[in-house]
Amino acid sequence: MNFILSNEHFNASNMTLEFYLVRNRFAQTGFIAGELESNKNHGEPHLVYHVNRCKIYVMNWSEVFAEFDMRHSYINEKLQLEQNKLQKEYSSANQLVSAQELNTAVAPPEMAHS
């Protein structure tokens, strides 16, 4: 963080910097847990450091994946519904591709590559 802050390319006053430390697990010293506890007042999960325009977040990989799943569950559900619908309508991938060739919403080849 100090190296990046000392670089002139990152010195704009309107620029904020966020750093993420992601690990499988953290040392049992209690340091990270203490930092998380002391920064709860900022109201941001995983925040361990916040000074001026810099923030540092600490997460386990399991937390990264869990948050990703939560954020993207809606679109995953919609994609699953669409997949199920297509599987009921078409018995093979070739049949689906053939049906799409007849779709009037598909742009003509000369327009698709411009």
PDB file of N, CA and C in Angstrom:
ATOM      1  N   MET A   1       0.823  -1.179   0.000  1.00  0.00           N
ATOM      2  CA  MET A   1       0.000   0.000   0.000  1.00  0.00           C
ATOM      3  C   MET A   1       0.875   1.254   0.000  1.00  0.00           C
ATOM      4  N   ASN A   2       1.900   1.289   0.845  1.00  0.00           N
ATOM      5  CA  ASN A   2       2.769   2.459   0.908  1.00  0.00           C
ATOM      6  C   ASN A   2       3.503   2.676  -0.403  1.00  0.00           C
ATOM      7  N   PHE A   3       3.910   1.600  -1.057  1.00  0.00           N
ATOM      8  CA  PHE A   3       4.584   1.726  -2.348  1.00  0.00           C
ATOM      9  C   PHE A   3       3.649   2.357  -3.373  1.00  0.00           C
ATOM     10  N   ILE A   4       2.415   1.891  -3.427  1.00  0.00           N
ATOM     11  CA  ILE A   4       1.443   2.429  -4.380  1.00  0.00           C
ATOM     12  C   ILE A   4       1.134   3.880  -4.052  1.00  0.00           C
ATOM     13  N   LEU A   5       0.962   4.202  -2.790  1.00  0.00           N
ATOM     14  CA  LEU A   5       0.669   5.577  -2.398  1.00  0.00           C
ATOM     15  C   LEU A   5       1.819   6.529  -2.708  1.00  0.00           C
ATOM     16  N   SER A   6       3.027   6.021  -2.718  1.00  0.00           N
ATOM     17  CA  SER A   6       4.170   6.879  -3.025  1.00  0.00           C
ATOM     18  C   SER A   6       4.371   7.056  -4.531  1.00  0.00           C
ATOM     19  N   ASN A   7       3.625   6.323  -5.341  1.00  0.00           N
ATOM     20  CA  ASN A   7       3.724   6.430  -6.790  1.00  0.00           C
ATOM     21  C   ASN A   7       2.871   7.592  -7.267  1.00  0.00           C
ATOM     22  N   GLU A   8       3.438   8.467  -8.082  1.00  0.00           N
ATOM     23  CA  GLU A   8       2.734   9.678  -8.530  1.00  0.00           C
ATOM     24  C   GLU A   8       1.483   9.380  -9.352  1.00  0.00           C
ATOM     25  N   HIS A   9       1.398   8.207  -9.954  1.00  0.00           N
ATOM     26  CA  HIS A   9       0.228   7.854 -10.754  1.00  0.00           C
ATOM     27  C   HIS A   9      -1.010   7.638  -9.895  1.00  0.00           C
ATOM     28  N   PHE A  10      -0.826   7.439  -8.605  1.00  0.00           N
ATOM     29  CA  PHE A  10      -1.940   7.162  -7.712  1.00  0.00           C
ATOM     30  C   PHE A  10      -2.170   8.286  -6.704  1.00  0.00           C
ATOM     31  N   ASN A  11      -1.718   9.481  -7.016  1.00  0.00           N
ATOM     32  CA  ASN A  11      -1.806  10.591  -6.069  1.00  0.00           C
ATOM     33  C   ASN A  11      -2.967  11.540  -6.317  1.00  0.00           C
ATOM     34  N   ALA A  12      -3.852  11.242  -7.233  1.00  0.00           N
ATOM     35  CA  ALA A  12      -4.988  12.133  -7.491  1.00  0.00           C
ATOM     36  C   ALA A  12      -5.855  12.248  -6.247  1.00  0.00           C
ATOM     37  N   SER A  13      -6.253  13.458  -5.925  1.00  0.00           N
ATOM     38  CA  SER A  13      -7.023  13.672  -4.700  1.00  0.00           C
ATOM     39  C   SER A  13      -8.414  13.053  -4.763  1.00  0.00           C
ATOM     40  N   ASN A  14      -8.924  12.805  -5.963  1.00  0.00           N
ATOM     41  CA  ASN A  14     -10.257  12.205  -6.092  1.00  0.00           C
ATOM     42  C   ASN A  14     -10.211  10.687  -6.230  1.00  0.00           C
ATOM     43  N   MET A  15      -9.045  10.105  -6.075  1.00  0.00           N
ATOM     44  CA  MET A  15      -8.872   8.668  -6.230  1.00  0.00           C
ATOM     45  C   MET A  15      -8.928   7.983  -4.868  1.00  0.00           C
ATOM     46  N   THR A  16      -9.699   6.898  -4.804  1.00  0.00           N
ATOM     47  CA  THR A  16      -9.703   6.083  -3.590  1.00  0.00           C
ATOM     48  C   THR A  16      -9.099   4.730  -3.933  1.00  0.00           C
ATOM     49  N   LEU A  17      -8.427   4.154  -2.970  1.00  0.00           N
ATOM     50  CA  LEU A  17      -7.753   2.879  -3.190  1.00  0.00           C
ATOM     51  C   LEU A  17      -8.289   1.843  -2.216  1.00  0.00           C
ATOM     52  N   GLU A  18      -8.591   0.665  -2.734  1.00  0.00           N
ATOM     53  CA  GLU A  18      -9.037  -0.445  -1.914  1.00  0.00           C
ATOM     54  C   GLU A  18      -8.102  -1.622  -2.132  1.00  0.00           C
ATOM     55  N   PHE A  19      -7.662  -2.196  -1.044  1.00  0.00           N
ATOM     56  CA  PHE A  19      -6.775  -3.346  -1.094  1.00  0.00           C
ATOM     57  C   PHE A  19      -7.490  -4.527  -0.441  1.00  0.00           C
ATOM     58  N   TYR A  20      -7.301  -5.705  -0.999  1.00  0.00           N
ATOM     59  CA  TYR A  20      -7.934  -6.908  -0.472  1.00  0.00           C
ATOM     60  C   TYR A  20      -6.865  -7.948  -0.175  1.00  0.00           C
ATOM     61  N   LEU A  21      -6.885  -8.448   1.028  1.00  0.00           N
ATOM     62  CA  LEU A  21      -6.030  -9.551   1.436  1.00  0.00           C
ATOM     63  C   LEU A  21      -6.931 -10.767   1.579  1.00  0.00           C
ATOM     64  N   VAL A  22      -6.683 -11.775   0.750  1.00  0.00           N
ATOM     65  CA  VAL A  22      -7.525 -12.973   0.768  1.00  0.00           C
ATOM     66  C   VAL A  22      -6.631 -14.171   1.064  1.00  0.00           C
ATOM     67  N   ARG A  23      -7.036 -14.945   2.039  1.00  0.00           N
ATOM     68  CA  ARG A  23      -6.258 -16.112   2.470  1.00  0.00           C
ATOM     69  C   ARG A  23      -7.183 -17.285   2.724  1.00  0.00           C
ATOM     70  N   ASN A  24      -6.584 -18.474   2.841  1.00  0.00           N
ATOM     71  CA  ASN A  24      -7.364 -19.653   3.240  1.00  0.00           C
ATOM     72  C   ASN A  24      -7.771 -19.537   4.705  1.00  0.00           C
ATOM     73  N   ARG A  25      -6.836 -19.112   5.522  1.00  0.00           N
ATOM     74  CA  ARG A  25      -7.112 -18.867   6.944  1.00  0.00           C
ATOM     75  C   ARG A  25      -6.055 -17.891   7.449  1.00  0.00           C
ATOM     76  N   PHE A  26      -6.355 -17.262   8.571  1.00  0.00           N
ATOM     77  CA  PHE A  26      -5.462 -16.257   9.123  1.00  0.00           C
ATOM     78  C   PHE A  26      -4.800 -16.781  10.384  1.00  0.00           C
ATOM     79  N   ALA A  27      -3.659 -16.213  10.703  1.00  0.00           N
ATOM     80  CA  ALA A  27      -2.909 -16.634  11.890  1.00  0.00           C
ATOM     81  C   ALA A  27      -3.788 -16.523  13.132  1.00  0.00           C
ATOM     82  N   GLN A  28      -3.547 -17.381  14.065  1.00  0.00           N
ATOM     83  CA  GLN A  28      -4.353 -17.460  15.283  1.00  0.00           C
ATOM     84  C   GLN A  28      -3.937 -16.429  16.341  1.00  0.00           C
ATOM     85  N   THR A  29      -3.184 -15.416  15.955  1.00  0.00           N
ATOM     86  CA  THR A  29      -2.728 -14.414  16.921  1.00  0.00           C
ATOM     87  C   THR A  29      -3.848 -13.502  17.390  1.00  0.00           C
ATOM     88  N   GLY A  30      -4.929 -13.442  16.625  1.00  0.00           N
ATOM     89  CA  GLY A  30      -6.046 -12.574  16.982  1.00  0.00           C
ATOM     90  C   GLY A  30      -5.912 -11.163  16.442  1.00  0.00           C
ATOM     91  N   PHE A  31      -4.823 -10.881  15.744  1.00  0.00           N
ATOM     92  CA  PHE A  31      -4.602  -9.532  15.219  1.00  0.00           C
ATOM     93  C   PHE A  31      -5.694  -9.130  14.236  1.00  0.00           C
ATOM     94  N   ILE A  32      -5.973  -9.985  13.251  1.00  0.00           N
ATOM     95  CA  ILE A  32      -6.981  -9.676  12.235  1.00  0.00           C
ATOM     96  C   ILE A  32      -8.358  -9.537  12.883  1.00  0.00           C
ATOM     97  N   ALA A  33      -8.696 -10.431  13.786  1.00  0.00           N
ATOM     98  CA  ALA A  33      -9.989 -10.353  14.474  1.00  0.00           C
ATOM     99  C   ALA A  33     -10.116  -9.032  15.226  1.00  0.00           C
ATOM    100  N   GLY A  34      -9.044  -8.587  15.835  1.00  0.00           N
ATOM    101  CA  GLY A  34      -9.055  -7.309  16.546  1.00  0.00           C
ATOM    102  C   GLY A  34      -9.246  -6.133  15.614  1.00  0.00           C
ATOM    103  N   GLU A  35      -8.581  -6.180  14.476  1.00  0.00           N
ATOM    104  CA  GLU A  35      -8.736  -5.105  13.486  1.00  0.00           C
ATOM    105  C   GLU A  35     -10.151  -5.065  12.927  1.00  0.00           C
ATOM    106  N   LEU A  36     -10.714  -6.235  12.671  1.00  0.00           N
ATOM    107  CA  LEU A  36     -12.096  -6.297  12.189  1.00  0.00           C
ATOM    108  C   LEU A  36     -13.046  -5.700  13.219  1.00  0.00           C
ATOM    109  N   GLU A  37     -12.836  -6.055  14.470  1.00  0.00           N
ATOM    110  CA  GLU A  37     -13.693  -5.554  15.546  1.00  0.00           C
ATOM    111  C   GLU A  37     -13.552  -4.038  15.684  1.00  0.00           C
ATOM    112  N   SER A  38     -12.340  -3.528  15.617  1.00  0.00           N
ATOM    113  CA  SER A  38     -12.128  -2.089  15.830  1.00  0.00           C
ATOM    114  C   SER A  38     -12.632  -1.243  14.664  1.00  0.00           C
ATOM    115  N   ASN A  39     -12.872  -1.852  13.518  1.00  0.00           N
ATOM    116  CA  ASN A  39     -13.354  -1.101  12.354  1.00  0.00           C
ATOM    117  C   ASN A  39     -14.829  -1.342  12.061  1.00  0.00           C
ATOM    118  N   LYS A  40     -15.538  -2.029  12.949  1.00  0.00           N
ATOM    119  CA  LYS A  40     -16.967  -2.265  12.749  1.00  0.00           C
ATOM    120  C   LYS A  40     -17.762  -0.972  12.636  1.00  0.00           C
ATOM    121  N   ASN A  41     -17.278   0.080  13.293  1.00  0.00           N
ATOM    122  CA  ASN A  41     -18.009   1.353  13.287  1.00  0.00           C
ATOM    123  C   ASN A  41     -18.130   1.962  11.888  1.00  0.00           C
ATOM    124  N   HIS A  42     -17.323   1.509  10.937  1.00  0.00           N
ATOM    125  CA  HIS A  42     -17.422   2.003   9.558  1.00  0.00           C
ATOM    126  C   HIS A  42     -18.579   1.341   8.808  1.00  0.00           C
ATOM    127  N   GLY A  43     -19.096   0.262   9.365  1.00  0.00           N
ATOM    128  CA  GLY A  43     -20.241  -0.400   8.754  1.00  0.00           C
ATOM    129  C   GLY A  43     -19.935  -1.160   7.482  1.00  0.00           C
ATOM    130  N   GLU A  44     -18.692  -1.550   7.294  1.00  0.00           N
ATOM    131  CA  GLU A  44     -18.307  -2.297   6.103  1.00  0.00           C
ATOM    132  C   GLU A  44     -17.708  -3.641   6.515  1.00  0.00           C
ATOM    133  N   PRO A  45     -18.321  -4.727   6.085  1.00  0.00           N
ATOM    134  CA  PRO A  45     -17.771  -6.035   6.420  1.00  0.00           C
ATOM    135  C   PRO A  45     -16.347  -6.194   5.881  1.00  0.00           C
ATOM    136  N   HIS A  46     -15.518  -6.854   6.635  1.00  0.00           N
ATOM    137  CA  HIS A  46     -14.155  -7.224   6.251  1.00  0.00           C
ATOM    138  C   HIS A  46     -13.156  -6.064   6.289  1.00  0.00           C
ATOM    139  N   LEU A  47     -13.587  -4.866   6.655  1.00  0.00           N
ATOM    140  CA  LEU A  47     -12.695  -3.703   6.684  1.00  0.00           C
ATOM    141  C   LEU A  47     -11.791  -3.769   7.903  1.00  0.00           C
ATOM    142  N   VAL A  48     -10.465  -3.643   7.677  1.00  0.00           N
ATOM    143  CA  VAL A  48      -9.519  -3.639   8.796  1.00  0.00           C
ATOM    144  C   VAL A  48      -8.726  -2.337   8.881  1.00  0.00           C
ATOM    145  N   TYR A  49      -8.804  -1.512   7.844  1.00  0.00           N
ATOM    146  CA  TYR A  49      -8.020  -0.269   7.831  1.00  0.00           C
ATOM    147  C   TYR A  49      -8.742   0.745   6.963  1.00  0.00           C
ATOM    148  N   HIS A  50      -8.910   1.970   7.495  1.00  0.00           N
ATOM    149  CA  HIS A  50      -9.532   3.032   6.716  1.00  0.00           C
ATOM    150  C   HIS A  50      -8.932   4.355   7.145  1.00  0.00           C
ATOM    151  N   VAL A  51      -8.079   4.899   6.309  1.00  0.00           N
ATOM    152  CA  VAL A  51      -7.476   6.195   6.566  1.00  0.00           C
ATOM    153  C   VAL A  51      -7.499   6.979   5.265  1.00  0.00           C
ATOM    154  N   ASN A  52      -8.030   8.181   5.350  1.00  0.00           N
ATOM    155  CA  ASN A  52      -8.156   9.069   4.195  1.00  0.00           C
ATOM    156  C   ASN A  52      -8.811   8.356   3.021  1.00  0.00           C
ATOM    157  N   ARG A  53      -8.047   8.131   1.971  1.00  0.00           N
ATOM    158  CA  ARG A  53      -8.618   7.546   0.760  1.00  0.00           C
ATOM    159  C   ARG A  53      -8.219   6.089   0.552  1.00  0.00           C
ATOM    160  N   CYS A  54      -7.761   5.439   1.603  1.00  0.00           N
ATOM    161  CA  CYS A  54      -7.326   4.041   1.507  1.00  0.00           C
ATOM    162  C   CYS A  54      -8.132   3.148   2.437  1.00  0.00           C
ATOM    163  N   LYS A  55      -8.470   1.978   1.907  1.00  0.00           N
ATOM    164  CA  LYS A  55      -9.146   0.964   2.709  1.00  0.00           C
ATOM    165  C   LYS A  55      -8.479  -0.381   2.448  1.00  0.00           C
ATOM    166  N   ILE A  56      -8.389  -1.173   3.508  1.00  0.00           N
ATOM    167  CA  ILE A  56      -7.881  -2.531   3.383  1.00  0.00           C
ATOM    168  C   ILE A  56      -8.942  -3.478   3.930  1.00  0.00           C
ATOM    169  N   TYR A  57      -9.271  -4.483   3.133  1.00  0.00           N
ATOM    170  CA  TYR A  57     -10.242  -5.497   3.508  1.00  0.00           C
ATOM    171  C   TYR A  57      -9.529  -6.832   3.624  1.00  0.00           C
ATOM    172  N   VAL A  58      -9.974  -7.651   4.565  1.00  0.00           N
ATOM    173  CA  VAL A  58      -9.403  -8.970   4.783  1.00  0.00           C
ATOM    174  C   VAL A  58     -10.526  -9.993   4.720  1.00  0.00           C
ATOM    175  N   MET A  59     -10.315 -11.036   3.903  1.00  0.00           N
ATOM    176  CA  MET A  59     -11.346 -12.057   3.732  1.00  0.00           C
ATOM    177  C   MET A  59     -10.705 -13.431   3.567  1.00  0.00           C
ATOM    178  N   ASN A  60     -11.486 -14.447   3.935  1.00  0.00           N
ATOM    179  CA  ASN A  60     -11.114 -15.826   3.606  1.00  0.00           C
ATOM    180  C   ASN A  60     -11.692 -16.144   2.235  1.00  0.00           C
ATOM    181  N   TRP A  61     -11.103 -17.099   1.552  1.00  0.00           N
ATOM    182  CA  TRP A  61     -11.626 -17.489   0.242  1.00  0.00           C
ATOM    183  C   TRP A  61     -13.073 -17.957   0.350  1.00  0.00           C
ATOM    184  N   SER A  62     -13.398 -18.640   1.433  1.00  0.00           N
ATOM    185  CA  SER A  62     -14.771 -19.114   1.587  1.00  0.00           C
ATOM    186  C   SER A  62     -15.750 -17.940   1.646  1.00  0.00           C
ATOM    187  N   GLU A  63     -15.340 -16.821   2.244  1.00  0.00           N
ATOM    188  CA  GLU A  63     -16.190 -15.628   2.288  1.00  0.00           C
ATOM    189  C   GLU A  63     -16.332 -15.001   0.902  1.00  0.00           C
ATOM    190  N   VAL A  64     -15.253 -15.014   0.127  1.00  0.00           N
ATOM    191  CA  VAL A  64     -15.297 -14.471  -1.240  1.00  0.00           C
ATOM    192  C   VAL A  64     -16.314 -15.251  -2.058  1.00  0.00           C
ATOM    193  N   PHE A  65     -16.227 -16.575  -2.003  1.00  0.00           N
ATOM    194  CA  PHE A  65     -17.137 -17.408  -2.791  1.00  0.00           C
ATOM    195  C   PHE A  65     -18.575 -17.297  -2.299  1.00  0.00           C
ATOM    196  N   ALA A  66     -18.776 -17.219  -0.986  1.00  0.00           N
ATOM    197  CA  ALA A  66     -20.126 -17.088  -0.440  1.00  0.00           C
ATOM    198  C   ALA A  66     -20.758 -15.769  -0.876  1.00  0.00           C
ATOM    199  N   GLU A  67     -19.989 -14.676  -0.846  1.00  0.00           N
ATOM    200  CA  GLU A  67     -20.519 -13.380  -1.276  1.00  0.00           C
ATOM    201  C   GLU A  67     -20.816 -13.378  -2.772  1.00  0.00           C
ATOM    202  N   PHE A  68     -19.954 -14.028  -3.543  1.00  0.00           N
ATOM    203  CA  PHE A  68     -20.202 -14.132  -4.983  1.00  0.00           C
ATOM    204  C   PHE A  68     -21.510 -14.871  -5.241  1.00  0.00           C
ATOM    205  N   ASP A  69     -21.697 -15.984  -4.548  1.00  0.00           N
ATOM    206  CA  ASP A  69     -22.933 -16.755  -4.709  1.00  0.00           C
ATOM    207  C   ASP A  69     -24.154 -15.920  -4.338  1.00  0.00           C
ATOM    208  N   MET A  70     -24.071 -15.176  -3.243  1.00  0.00           N
ATOM    209  CA  MET A  70     -25.201 -14.359  -2.817  1.00  0.00           C
ATOM    210  C   MET A  70     -25.500 -13.259  -3.832  1.00  0.00           C
ATOM    211  N   ARG A  71     -24.467 -12.606  -4.339  1.00  0.00           N
ATOM    212  CA  ARG A  71     -24.655 -11.507  -5.285  1.00  0.00           C
ATOM    213  C   ARG A  71     -25.197 -11.980  -6.625  1.00  0.00           C
ATOM    214  N   HIS A  72     -24.819 -13.181  -7.021  1.00  0.00           N
ATOM    215  CA  HIS A  72     -25.177 -13.655  -8.352  1.00  0.00           C
ATOM    216  C   HIS A  72     -26.247 -14.736  -8.355  1.00  0.00           C
ATOM    217  N   SER A  73     -26.860 -14.988  -7.222  1.00  0.00           N
ATOM    218  CA  SER A  73     -27.860 -16.054  -7.159  1.00  0.00           C
ATOM    219  C   SER A  73     -29.061 -15.747  -8.053  1.00  0.00           C
ATOM    220  N   TYR A  74     -29.470 -14.500  -8.145  1.00  0.00           N
ATOM    221  CA  TYR A  74     -30.616 -14.140  -8.973  1.00  0.00           C
ATOM    222  C   TYR A  74     -30.361 -14.480 -10.435  1.00  0.00           C
ATOM    223  N   ILE A  75     -29.228 -14.058 -10.950  1.00  0.00           N
ATOM    224  CA  ILE A  75     -28.941 -14.325 -12.364  1.00  0.00           C
ATOM    225  C   ILE A  75     -28.714 -15.813 -12.604  1.00  0.00           C
ATOM    226  N   ASN A  76     -28.122 -16.499 -11.647  1.00  0.00           N
ATOM    227  CA  ASN A  76     -27.941 -17.945 -11.794  1.00  0.00           C
ATOM    228  C   ASN A  76     -29.289 -18.657 -11.856  1.00  0.00           C
ATOM    229  N   GLU A  77     -30.235 -18.212 -11.035  1.00  0.00           N
ATOM    230  CA  GLU A  77     -31.573 -18.801 -11.068  1.00  0.00           C
ATOM    231  C   GLU A  77     -32.248 -18.544 -12.408  1.00  0.00           C
ATOM    232  N   LYS A  78     -32.123 -17.317 -12.918  1.00  0.00           N
ATOM    233  CA  LYS A  78     -32.716 -16.983 -14.213  1.00  0.00           C
ATOM    234  C   LYS A  78     -32.080 -17.814 -15.334  1.00  0.00           C
ATOM    235  N   LEU A  79     -30.772 -17.973 -15.292  1.00  0.00           N
ATOM    236  CA  LEU A  79     -30.099 -18.785 -16.313  1.00  0.00           C
ATOM    237  C   LEU A  79     -30.525 -20.243 -16.222  1.00  0.00           C
ATOM    238  N   GLN A  80     -30.696 -20.741 -15.001  1.00  0.00           N
ATOM    239  CA  GLN A  80     -31.135 -22.121 -14.825  1.00  0.00           C
ATOM    240  C   GLN A  80     -32.535 -22.317 -15.382  1.00  0.00           C
ATOM    241  N   LEU A  81     -33.424 -21.352 -15.146  1.00  0.00           N
ATOM    242  CA  LEU A  81     -34.784 -21.424 -15.694  1.00  0.00           C
ATOM    243  C   LEU A  81     -34.752 -21.424 -17.230  1.00  0.00           C
ATOM    244  N   GLU A  82     -33.911 -20.567 -17.792  1.00  0.00           N
ATOM    245  CA  GLU A  82     -33.791 -20.508 -19.258  1.00  0.00           C
ATOM    246  C   GLU A  82     -33.232 -21.820 -19.813  1.00  0.00           C
ATOM    247  N   GLN A  83     -32.246 -22.375 -19.132  1.00  0.00           N
ATOM    248  CA  GLN A  83     -31.667 -23.649 -19.557  1.00  0.00           C
ATOM    249  C   GLN A  83     -32.725 -24.753 -19.520  1.00  0.00           C
ATOM    250  N   ASN A  84     -33.491 -24.801 -18.437  1.00  0.00           N
ATOM    251  CA  ASN A  84     -34.547 -25.811 -18.323  1.00  0.00           C
ATOM    252  C   ASN A  84     -35.583 -25.660 -19.435  1.00  0.00           C
ATOM    253  N   LYS A  85     -35.930 -24.420 -19.739  1.00  0.00           N
ATOM    254  CA  LYS A  85     -36.902 -24.146 -20.805  1.00  0.00           C
ATOM    255  C   LYS A  85     -36.375 -24.638 -22.154  1.00  0.00           C
ATOM    256  N   LEU A  86     -35.109 -24.326 -22.430  1.00  0.00           N
ATOM    257  CA  LEU A  86     -34.521 -24.754 -23.702  1.00  0.00           C
ATOM    258  C   LEU A  86     -34.401 -26.272 -23.785  1.00  0.00           C
ATOM    259  N   GLN A  87     -34.091 -26.921 -22.682  1.00  0.00           N
ATOM    260  CA  GLN A  87     -33.976 -28.380 -22.683  1.00  0.00           C
ATOM    261  C   GLN A  87     -35.321 -29.049 -22.946  1.00  0.00           C
ATOM    262  N   LYS A  88     -36.402 -28.406 -22.503  1.00  0.00           N
ATOM    263  CA  LYS A  88     -37.739 -28.956 -22.762  1.00  0.00           C
ATOM    264  C   LYS A  88     -38.148 -28.745 -24.218  1.00  0.00           C
ATOM    265  N   GLU A  89     -37.733 -27.618 -24.813  1.00  0.00           N
ATOM    266  CA  GLU A  89     -38.129 -27.284 -26.181  1.00  0.00           C
ATOM    267  C   GLU A  89     -37.325 -28.027 -27.240  1.00  0.00           C
ATOM    268  N   TYR A  90     -36.065 -28.255 -26.972  1.00  0.00           N
ATOM    269  CA  TYR A  90     -35.171 -28.832 -27.981  1.00  0.00           C
ATOM    270  C   TYR A  90     -34.520 -30.101 -27.433  1.00  0.00           C
ATOM    271  N   SER A  91     -34.446 -31.115 -28.294  1.00  0.00           N
ATOM    272  CA  SER A  91     -33.893 -32.391 -27.840  1.00  0.00           C
ATOM    273  C   SER A  91     -32.379 -32.486 -28.077  1.00  0.00           C
ATOM    274  N   SER A  92     -31.813 -31.561 -28.863  1.00  0.00           N
ATOM    275  CA  SER A  92     -30.367 -31.602 -29.115  1.00  0.00           C
ATOM    276  C   SER A  92     -29.839 -30.193 -29.363  1.00  0.00           C
ATOM    277  N   ALA A  93     -28.531 -30.053 -29.259  1.00  0.00           N
ATOM    278  CA  ALA A  93     -27.897 -28.761 -29.527  1.00  0.00           C
ATOM    279  C   ALA A  93     -28.072 -28.376 -30.990  1.00  0.00           C
ATOM    280  N   ASN A  94     -28.007 -29.346 -31.887  1.00  0.00           N
ATOM    281  CA  ASN A  94     -28.181 -29.060 -33.316  1.00  0.00           C
ATOM    282  C   ASN A  94     -29.569 -28.494 -33.595  1.00  0.00           C
ATOM    283  N   GLN A  95     -30.558 -29.028 -32.928  1.00  0.00           N
ATOM    284  CA  GLN A  95     -31.927 -28.551 -33.106  1.00  0.00           C
ATOM    285  C   GLN A  95     -32.049 -27.092 -32.623  1.00  0.00           C
ATOM    286  N   LEU A  96     -31.415 -26.776 -31.534  1.00  0.00           N
ATOM    287  CA  LEU A  96     -31.426 -25.411 -31.008  1.00  0.00           C
ATOM    288  C   LEU A  96     -30.730 -24.452 -31.961  1.00  0.00           C
ATOM    289  N   VAL A  97     -29.567 -24.841 -32.477  1.00  0.00           N
ATOM    290  CA  VAL A  97     -28.828 -23.995 -33.414  1.00  0.00           C
ATOM    291  C   VAL A  97     -29.646 -23.764 -34.677  1.00  0.00           C
ATOM    292  N   SER A  98     -30.272 -24.796 -35.186  1.00  0.00           N
ATOM    293  CA  SER A  98     -31.108 -24.668 -36.380  1.00  0.00           C
ATOM    294  C   SER A  98     -32.266 -23.710 -36.137  1.00  0.00           C
ATOM    295  N   ALA A  99     -32.863 -23.773 -34.978  1.00  0.00           N
ATOM    296  CA  ALA A  99     -33.973 -22.879 -34.654  1.00  0.00           C
ATOM    297  C   ALA A  99     -33.505 -21.429 -34.579  1.00  0.00           C
ATOM    298  N   GLN A 100     -32.311 -21.205 -34.126  1.00  0.00           N
ATOM    299  CA  GLN A 100     -31.800 -19.842 -34.020  1.00  0.00           C
ATOM    300  C   GLN A 100     -31.497 -19.240 -35.383  1.00  0.00           C
ATOM    301  N   GLU A 101     -31.179 -20.072 -36.361  1.00  0.00           N
ATOM    302  CA  GLU A 101     -30.924 -19.573 -37.712  1.00  0.00           C
ATOM    303  C   GLU A 101     -32.182 -18.980 -38.323  1.00  0.00           C
ATOM    304  N   LEU A 102     -33.347 -19.418 -37.862  1.00  0.00           N
ATOM    305  CA  LEU A 102     -34.623 -18.913 -38.359  1.00  0.00           C
ATOM    306  C   LEU A 102     -35.125 -17.716 -37.549  1.00  0.00           C
ATOM    307  N   ASN A 103     -34.434 -17.361 -36.516  1.00  0.00           N
ATOM    308  CA  ASN A 103     -34.848 -16.282 -35.630  1.00  0.00           C
ATOM    309  C   ASN A 103     -34.671 -14.944 -36.338  1.00  0.00           C
ATOM    310  N   THR A 104     -35.728 -14.169 -36.451  1.00  0.00           N
ATOM    311  CA  THR A 104     -35.666 -12.879 -37.141  1.00  0.00           C
ATOM    312  C   THR A 104     -34.957 -11.809 -36.316  1.00  0.00           C
ATOM    313  N   ALA A 105     -34.726 -12.060 -35.034  1.00  0.00           N
ATOM    314  CA  ALA A 105     -34.023 -11.081 -34.198  1.00  0.00           C
ATOM    315  C   ALA A 105     -32.524 -11.145 -34.386  1.00  0.00           C
ATOM    316  N   VAL A 106     -32.013 -12.141 -35.078  1.00  0.00           N
ATOM    317  CA  VAL A 106     -30.577 -12.293 -35.308  1.00  0.00           C
ATOM    318  C   VAL A 106     -30.167 -11.319 -36.417  1.00  0.00           C
ATOM    319  N   ALA A 107     -29.090 -10.575 -36.183  1.00  0.00           N
ATOM    320  CA  ALA A 107     -28.607  -9.606 -37.175  1.00  0.00           C
ATOM    321  C   ALA A 107     -28.029 -10.351 -38.379  1.00  0.00           C
ATOM    322  N   PRO A 108     -28.220  -9.792 -39.568  1.00  0.00           N
ATOM    323  CA  PRO A 108     -27.607 -10.394 -40.750  1.00  0.00           C
ATOM    324  C   PRO A 108     -26.082 -10.405 -40.601  1.00  0.00           C
ATOM    325  N   PRO A 109     -25.384 -11.369 -41.214  1.00  0.00           N
ATOM    326  CA  PRO A 109     -23.933 -11.478 -41.065  1.00  0.00           C
ATOM    327  C   PRO A 109     -23.178 -10.196 -41.381  1.00  0.00           C
ATOM    328  N   GLU A 110     -23.624  -9.456 -42.408  1.00  0.00           N
ATOM    329  CA  GLU A 110     -22.910  -8.233 -42.775  1.00  0.00           C
ATOM    330  C   GLU A 110     -23.004  -7.173 -41.689  1.00  0.00           C
ATOM    331  N   MET A 111     -24.018  -7.220 -40.851  1.00  0.00           N
ATOM    332  CA  MET A 111     -24.150  -6.250 -39.754  1.00  0.00           C
ATOM    333  C   MET A 111     -23.458  -6.736 -38.502  1.00  0.00           C
ATOM    334  N   ALA A 112     -23.362  -7.999 -38.316  1.00  0.00           N
ATOM    335  CA  ALA A 112     -22.799  -8.557 -37.085  1.00  0.00           C
ATOM    336  C   ALA A 112     -21.303  -8.293 -36.960  1.00  0.00           C
ATOM    337  N   HIS A 113     -20.585  -8.140 -38.066  1.00  0.00           N
ATOM    338  CA  HIS A 113     -19.120  -8.003 -38.019  1.00  0.00           C
ATOM    339  C   HIS A 113     -18.650  -6.582 -38.159  1.00  0.00           C
ATOM    340  N   SER A 114     -19.526  -5.615 -38.206  1.00  0.00           N
ATOM    341  CA  SER A 114     -19.073  -4.233 -38.401  1.00  0.00           C
ATOM    342  C   SER A 114     -18.794  -3.530 -37.114  1.00  0.00           C
TER     343      SER A 114
END
